[in-house]
Amino acid sequence: MLSTFIRRNKPKAEMTFLEHLDDLRISMLRVLGVFSVGMVAALIFYEETPALLNMPLEWAKHPETSPIGFLLGQSSEGLRAIPELKEFTFMGVWKVLMYAAFGVGIALASPVFLYETARFVGPALTEREKRVLVPFCFAALVLFLMGSTLAFFWLSPMSVQIWHHFASGLKMDVIWQASDYYGFVIMMCLLTGLTFQFPLALIVVMWLEIVRPRTLLRHWRGMLFGIMCLVALITPIAEPISLFVMTGVLFGFYLVAVAIGTGIVRRKRVARGDSADPEDDDLDDDDGPDDDDDPDGDSPRRPASSAAAPAASPAAPGRPKQLPPPAEGDLSSLD
């Protein structure tokens, strides 16, 4: 069992359907195993993990200590005077530990998940597609880390500052509950990292030729509105600065994805002998069957019936010509 968990006994080309399912089960067990190791390690070193997750709160209180303090606003005296995080129930303490362990497990298991996905679908791809698979997985990991880093260093501290600003305006004393804060930081990082994967999803859709690159570019206004709505859902408070910056970053990713997808689609179509521009397919569908015979288009188009006349088979004996009905009182038809 352990040897099967570590390595495959057969190449994928020789596996049956049930063996493929078993291989998928083993891949899932590997990912869950690494995830479990990360969670156990976080629970063992439970004192160090919360210290890492407390950094966005400390940066919100003291922006001068943040690596990107120039992007954060000035903290108020009330925010700096907030005491340490508090928890009022035993289950809240357990939730804090589980949030920290979950974040560490996801961070360690995400590269293994990408590797197992590539290893499982690799045999179904061509050699050209296999060469693209490794950079694709690497780009997915880099984009996820970029989104999570942006949320950890900038979005989370800014959201804390804005929350406290509104609370101060409403004359409310905020008691920071540890479980709510840690859950907020973890979910913010995960959701932002997953959102940064959408350019790769666009490239896959264009590569499968489900949507044409020119169609995506033509509807850029709707895409911009959808990105803005998505950013407003991700950020807890859709304040203008983070909303515009995140929308600009994701819209830039969208334009880059369309450009990359255009090049990929062109190369794929040229390799299989089609026109490089997918829009030419619509023109070919509109042309008649006589366009190939007259590429210059100088001669008039002949009707289809006259063109098919020389190839017609000899006419069968026709029916006798019917005469008009006899006039009233004419008895010649009785002969």
Protein backbone atom coordinates (compact mmCIF):
# COMPACT_ATOMS: atom_id res chain seq x y z
CA MET A 1 0.00 0.00 0.00
CA LEU A 2 2.79 2.44 0.88
CA SER A 3 4.66 1.69 -2.36
CA THR A 4 1.49 2.31 -4.35
CA PHE A 5 0.98 5.59 -2.52
CA ILE A 6 4.49 6.74 -3.37
CA ARG A 7 4.78 5.61 -7.01
CA ARG A 8 2.76 4.04 -9.82
CA ASN A 9 3.22 0.40 -10.73
CA LYS A 10 2.14 0.80 -14.37
CA PRO A 11 2.49 3.46 -17.03
CA LYS A 12 -0.76 5.28 -17.69
CA ALA A 13 -0.99 3.99 -21.27
CA GLU A 14 -1.44 0.44 -19.94
CA MET A 15 -4.03 1.24 -17.26
CA THR A 16 -7.66 0.22 -17.38
CA PHE A 17 -10.52 2.53 -16.44
CA LEU A 18 -10.65 1.23 -12.86
CA GLU A 19 -6.90 1.59 -12.55
CA HIS A 20 -7.20 5.23 -13.65
CA LEU A 21 -9.79 5.80 -10.95
CA ASP A 22 -7.47 4.22 -8.42
CA ASP A 23 -4.65 6.47 -9.63
CA LEU A 24 -6.92 9.48 -9.15
CA ARG A 25 -7.67 8.30 -5.63
CA ILE A 26 -3.94 8.02 -4.90
CA SER A 27 -3.35 11.55 -6.24
CA MET A 28 -6.06 12.91 -3.97
CA LEU A 29 -4.57 11.04 -1.01
CA ARG A 30 -1.18 12.61 -1.71
CA VAL A 31 -2.65 16.11 -1.71
CA LEU A 32 -4.62 15.42 1.46
CA GLY A 33 -1.51 13.92 3.05
CA VAL A 34 0.56 17.06 2.46
CA PHE A 35 -2.36 19.20 3.62
CA SER A 36 -2.61 17.15 6.81
CA VAL A 37 1.14 17.43 7.44
CA GLY A 38 0.85 21.22 7.12
CA MET A 39 -2.06 21.35 9.54
CA VAL A 40 -0.29 19.15 12.10
CA ALA A 41 2.88 21.25 11.85
CA ALA A 42 0.83 24.42 12.39
CA LEU A 43 -0.84 22.89 15.45
CA ILE A 44 2.53 21.82 16.87
CA PHE A 45 4.03 25.30 16.38
CA TYR A 46 0.78 27.06 17.30
CA GLU A 47 2.60 29.94 18.99
CA GLU A 48 4.47 31.04 15.83
CA THR A 49 1.61 30.87 13.32
CA PRO A 50 -0.68 33.46 14.99
CA ALA A 51 2.30 35.82 15.19
CA LEU A 52 2.53 35.70 11.40
CA LEU A 53 -1.19 36.29 10.94
CA ASN A 54 -1.09 39.23 13.37
CA MET A 55 1.16 41.21 11.02
CA PRO A 56 -1.67 42.86 8.99
CA LEU A 57 -3.22 44.12 12.23
CA GLU A 58 0.11 45.52 13.42
CA TRP A 59 0.67 47.18 10.05
CA ALA A 60 -2.80 48.75 10.29
CA LYS A 61 -1.95 50.14 13.73
CA HIS A 62 1.57 51.24 12.78
CA PRO A 63 1.82 51.81 8.99
CA GLU A 64 5.44 52.93 9.32
CA THR A 65 6.41 49.32 10.15
CA SER A 66 4.82 47.96 6.95
CA PRO A 67 6.97 47.30 3.84
CA ILE A 68 4.38 49.22 1.82
CA GLY A 69 3.45 51.78 4.46
CA PHE A 70 3.23 54.52 1.81
CA LEU A 71 0.12 52.77 0.42
CA LEU A 72 -1.61 52.65 3.80
CA GLY A 73 -3.39 55.56 5.40
CA GLN A 74 -2.44 57.15 8.67
CA SER A 75 -3.79 55.26 11.67
CA SER A 76 -5.78 57.07 14.31
CA GLU A 77 -5.02 57.18 18.01
CA GLY A 78 -8.01 54.96 18.72
CA LEU A 79 -6.71 52.27 16.36
CA ARG A 80 -3.26 52.33 17.95
CA ALA A 81 -4.81 52.03 21.40
CA ILE A 82 -6.67 48.80 20.53
CA PRO A 83 -5.43 46.04 22.88
CA GLU A 84 -4.46 42.53 21.89
CA LEU A 85 -6.96 40.22 20.23
CA LYS A 86 -9.50 38.68 22.58
CA GLU A 87 -11.56 35.51 22.52
CA PHE A 88 -14.52 34.84 24.79
CA THR A 89 -15.31 31.15 24.27
CA PHE A 90 -13.37 27.91 24.26
CA MET A 91 -14.62 27.06 20.77
CA GLY A 92 -13.37 30.43 19.61
CA VAL A 93 -9.85 29.46 20.67
CA TRP A 94 -10.21 26.20 18.77
CA LYS A 95 -11.41 28.12 15.70
CA VAL A 96 -8.30 30.30 15.88
CA LEU A 97 -6.05 27.23 15.89
CA MET A 98 -7.96 25.63 13.01
CA TYR A 99 -7.87 28.80 10.91
CA ALA A 100 -4.12 29.01 11.32
CA ALA A 101 -3.65 25.29 10.56
CA PHE A 102 -5.93 25.51 7.52
CA GLY A 103 -3.94 28.40 6.05
CA VAL A 104 -0.61 26.58 6.49
CA GLY A 105 -2.04 23.37 5.02
CA ILE A 106 -3.35 25.18 1.92
CA ALA A 107 -0.01 26.93 1.42
CA LEU A 108 1.90 23.63 1.48
CA ALA A 109 -0.60 21.56 -0.50
CA SER A 110 -1.18 23.96 -3.41
CA PRO A 111 2.08 23.11 -5.27
CA VAL A 112 1.44 19.39 -4.76
CA PHE A 113 -2.10 19.82 -6.06
CA LEU A 114 -0.82 21.47 -9.25
CA TYR A 115 1.78 18.73 -9.74
CA GLU A 116 -0.73 15.91 -9.27
CA THR A 117 -3.18 17.58 -11.64
CA ALA A 118 -0.50 17.89 -14.30
CA ARG A 119 0.63 14.30 -13.77
CA PHE A 120 -2.90 12.93 -14.04
CA VAL A 121 -3.98 14.78 -17.20
CA GLY A 122 -0.55 14.69 -18.84
CA PRO A 123 -0.95 11.39 -20.77
CA ALA A 124 -4.09 12.71 -22.49
CA LEU A 125 -2.16 15.64 -24.00
CA THR A 126 0.03 15.86 -27.07
CA GLU A 127 3.76 16.51 -26.86
CA ARG A 128 3.24 20.18 -27.70
CA GLU A 129 0.61 20.52 -24.97
CA LYS A 130 2.82 18.76 -22.43
CA ARG A 131 5.54 21.35 -23.01
CA VAL A 132 3.05 24.09 -22.18
CA LEU A 133 1.69 22.30 -19.09
CA VAL A 134 4.69 22.97 -16.83
CA PRO A 135 4.76 26.75 -17.49
CA PHE A 136 0.99 26.81 -17.06
CA CYS A 137 1.17 25.21 -13.60
CA PHE A 138 4.05 27.48 -12.64
CA ALA A 139 2.05 30.54 -13.74
CA ALA A 140 -0.95 29.34 -11.71
CA LEU A 141 1.20 29.04 -8.59
CA VAL A 142 2.83 32.44 -9.14
CA LEU A 143 -0.52 34.17 -9.69
CA PHE A 144 -1.98 32.56 -6.56
CA LEU A 145 0.98 33.72 -4.49
CA MET A 146 0.74 37.20 -5.99
CA GLY A 147 -2.92 37.51 -5.07
CA SER A 148 -2.39 36.15 -1.56
CA THR A 149 0.59 38.45 -1.00
CA LEU A 150 -1.37 41.48 -2.16
CA ALA A 151 -4.21 40.61 0.20
CA PHE A 152 -1.87 39.98 3.13
CA PHE A 153 0.31 43.08 2.77
CA TRP A 154 -2.21 45.64 1.55
CA LEU A 155 -5.90 44.68 1.43
CA SER A 156 -6.11 43.28 4.96
CA PRO A 157 -4.41 46.21 6.77
CA MET A 158 -6.38 48.74 4.72
CA SER A 159 -9.66 46.98 5.50
CA VAL A 160 -8.85 47.06 9.22
CA GLN A 161 -8.17 50.80 9.03
CA ILE A 162 -11.41 51.47 7.16
CA TRP A 163 -13.46 49.35 9.57
CA HIS A 164 -12.08 51.25 12.52
CA HIS A 165 -12.71 54.57 10.77
CA PHE A 166 -16.40 53.75 10.35
CA ALA A 167 -16.65 52.44 13.90
CA SER A 168 -15.15 55.65 15.24
CA GLY A 169 -17.59 57.69 13.17
CA LEU A 170 -20.47 55.73 14.69
CA LYS A 171 -19.06 56.25 18.22
CA MET A 172 -18.58 52.50 18.71
CA ASP A 173 -15.87 50.71 20.66
CA VAL A 174 -14.65 47.74 18.64
CA ILE A 175 -13.49 44.62 20.48
CA TRP A 176 -11.37 42.59 18.09
CA GLN A 177 -12.32 38.93 18.41
CA ALA A 178 -9.44 36.66 17.44
CA SER A 179 -11.49 34.04 15.56
CA ASP A 180 -13.17 36.69 13.38
CA TYR A 181 -9.87 38.39 12.59
CA TYR A 182 -7.97 35.22 11.67
CA GLY A 183 -10.87 33.96 9.57
CA PHE A 184 -10.96 37.29 7.75
CA VAL A 185 -7.22 37.24 6.93
CA ILE A 186 -7.24 33.61 5.75
CA MET A 187 -10.31 33.99 3.54
CA MET A 188 -9.09 37.29 2.11
CA CYS A 189 -5.80 35.72 1.04
CA LEU A 190 -7.44 32.59 -0.40
CA LEU A 191 -10.15 34.43 -2.33
CA THR A 192 -7.75 36.99 -3.75
CA GLY A 193 -5.31 34.26 -4.80
CA LEU A 194 -8.09 32.32 -6.53
CA THR A 195 -9.33 35.48 -8.25
CA PHE A 196 -5.89 35.98 -9.78
CA GLN A 197 -6.37 32.65 -11.59
CA PHE A 198 -9.02 34.00 -13.91
CA PRO A 199 -6.55 35.01 -16.72
CA LEU A 200 -5.50 31.35 -16.97
CA ALA A 201 -9.15 30.33 -17.16
CA LEU A 202 -9.62 32.75 -20.07
CA ILE A 203 -6.59 31.30 -21.86
CA VAL A 204 -7.94 27.75 -21.45
CA VAL A 205 -11.35 28.80 -22.81
CA MET A 206 -9.70 30.42 -25.83
CA TRP A 207 -7.40 27.44 -26.36
CA LEU A 208 -10.41 25.12 -26.43
CA GLU A 209 -11.96 27.57 -28.95
CA ILE A 210 -15.10 27.93 -26.86
CA VAL A 211 -14.80 31.72 -27.07
CA ARG A 212 -12.82 33.65 -29.67
CA PRO A 213 -10.23 36.21 -28.50
CA ARG A 214 -11.79 38.93 -30.64
CA THR A 215 -15.16 38.25 -29.01
CA LEU A 216 -13.67 38.74 -25.54
CA LEU A 217 -11.95 41.93 -26.66
CA ARG A 218 -15.14 43.22 -28.25
CA HIS A 219 -17.01 42.91 -24.94
CA TRP A 220 -14.39 44.62 -22.79
CA ARG A 221 -16.94 46.95 -21.21
CA GLY A 222 -18.97 44.05 -19.84
CA MET A 223 -15.78 42.36 -18.65
CA LEU A 224 -14.69 45.54 -16.87
CA PHE A 225 -18.05 45.79 -15.11
CA GLY A 226 -17.89 42.10 -14.12
CA ILE A 227 -14.37 42.50 -12.72
CA MET A 228 -15.48 45.50 -10.69
CA CYS A 229 -18.42 43.55 -9.25
CA LEU A 230 -16.12 40.63 -8.40
CA VAL A 231 -13.66 42.90 -6.61
CA ALA A 232 -16.52 44.50 -4.68
CA LEU A 233 -17.60 41.04 -3.50
CA ILE A 234 -14.10 39.98 -2.47
CA THR A 235 -13.10 43.07 -0.55
CA PRO A 236 -15.11 43.40 2.68
CA ILE A 237 -15.47 47.16 2.18
CA ALA A 238 -15.37 48.21 -1.47
CA GLU A 239 -13.65 51.50 -0.74
CA PRO A 240 -12.49 53.44 -3.82
CA ILE A 241 -8.72 52.94 -3.55
CA SER A 242 -8.64 49.15 -3.28
CA LEU A 243 -11.59 48.85 -5.67
CA PHE A 244 -9.88 50.82 -8.44
CA VAL A 245 -6.44 49.30 -7.91
CA MET A 246 -7.71 45.72 -7.86
CA THR A 247 -9.98 46.36 -10.84
CA GLY A 248 -7.07 47.88 -12.78
CA VAL A 249 -4.78 44.93 -11.98
CA LEU A 250 -7.35 42.30 -12.97
CA PHE A 251 -8.35 44.20 -16.12
CA GLY A 252 -4.68 44.36 -17.10
CA PHE A 253 -4.48 40.58 -16.57
CA TYR A 254 -7.55 40.26 -18.81
CA LEU A 255 -5.88 42.20 -21.66
CA VAL A 256 -2.66 40.17 -21.30
CA ALA A 257 -4.67 36.92 -21.31
CA VAL A 258 -6.47 37.95 -24.52
CA ALA A 259 -3.14 38.78 -26.18
CA ILE A 260 -1.59 35.45 -25.14
CA GLY A 261 -4.73 33.55 -26.13
CA THR A 262 -4.71 35.19 -29.56
CA GLY A 263 -1.18 33.97 -30.21
CA ILE A 264 -1.96 30.46 -28.95
CA VAL A 265 -5.10 30.17 -31.08
CA ARG A 266 -3.27 31.38 -34.20
CA ARG A 267 -0.46 28.85 -33.76
CA LYS A 268 -2.94 26.04 -33.08
CA ARG A 269 -5.01 26.83 -36.18
CA VAL A 270 -1.97 27.18 -38.45
CA ALA A 271 -0.59 23.86 -37.17
CA ARG A 272 -3.74 22.02 -38.22
CA GLY A 273 -3.99 23.80 -41.60
CA ASP A 274 -6.79 26.29 -40.86
CA SER A 275 -6.81 30.02 -41.32
CA ALA A 276 -4.90 31.90 -38.65
CA ASP A 277 -7.85 34.20 -37.94
CA PRO A 278 -10.93 32.43 -36.50
CA GLU A 279 -13.13 35.15 -38.00
CA ASP A 280 -12.36 33.74 -41.46
CA ASP A 281 -14.49 30.70 -40.66
CA ASP A 282 -17.62 32.84 -40.81
CA LEU A 283 -16.60 34.15 -44.24
CA ASP A 284 -16.07 30.62 -45.53
CA ASP A 285 -19.51 29.60 -44.35
CA ASP A 286 -21.13 32.50 -46.21
CA ASP A 287 -19.37 31.80 -49.54
CA GLY A 288 -21.08 29.63 -52.13
CA PRO A 289 -19.70 26.44 -53.69
CA ASP A 290 -18.65 28.29 -56.86
CA ASP A 291 -16.11 30.55 -55.14
CA ASP A 292 -13.36 27.94 -55.47
CA ASP A 293 -13.87 27.72 -59.21
CA ASP A 294 -13.60 31.49 -59.67
CA PRO A 295 -11.18 32.88 -57.08
CA ASP A 296 -11.01 36.33 -58.71
CA GLY A 297 -14.75 36.74 -58.68
CA ASP A 298 -14.79 38.28 -62.18
CA SER A 299 -17.23 35.94 -63.89
CA PRO A 300 -20.89 36.07 -62.96
CA ARG A 301 -22.22 33.31 -60.79
CA ARG A 302 -24.18 30.72 -62.76
CA PRO A 303 -27.34 29.23 -61.39
CA ALA A 304 -26.95 25.88 -59.76
CA SER A 305 -29.46 24.26 -62.12
CA SER A 306 -27.53 25.22 -65.26
CA ALA A 307 -24.25 24.09 -63.76
CA ALA A 308 -25.62 20.68 -62.97
CA ALA A 309 -27.28 20.22 -66.36
CA PRO A 310 -24.32 18.66 -68.27
CA ALA A 311 -23.87 16.02 -65.61
CA ALA A 312 -27.52 15.05 -65.56
CA SER A 313 -28.46 11.55 -66.67
CA PRO A 314 -30.49 11.04 -69.87
CA ALA A 315 -34.03 12.15 -69.35
CA ALA A 316 -36.58 9.44 -68.78
CA PRO A 317 -39.55 9.21 -71.13
CA GLY A 318 -41.81 12.03 -70.19
CA ARG A 319 -45.48 11.83 -69.52
CA PRO A 320 -47.83 12.68 -72.35
CA LYS A 321 -48.58 16.30 -72.57
CA GLN A 322 -51.87 17.08 -71.00
CA LEU A 323 -54.30 19.02 -73.11
CA PRO A 324 -56.49 21.72 -71.71
CA PRO A 325 -59.95 20.57 -70.67
CA PRO A 326 -62.40 20.51 -73.57
CA ALA A 327 -64.83 23.25 -73.90
CA GLU A 328 -68.41 22.68 -72.81
CA GLY A 329 -70.30 20.80 -75.55
CA ASP A 330 -67.20 19.38 -77.25
CA LEU A 331 -67.62 15.59 -77.81
CA SER A 332 -64.16 14.92 -79.35
CA SER A 333 -62.77 13.66 -76.03
CA LEU A 334 -65.16 10.74 -76.13
CA ASP A 335 -63.36 9.17 -79.11
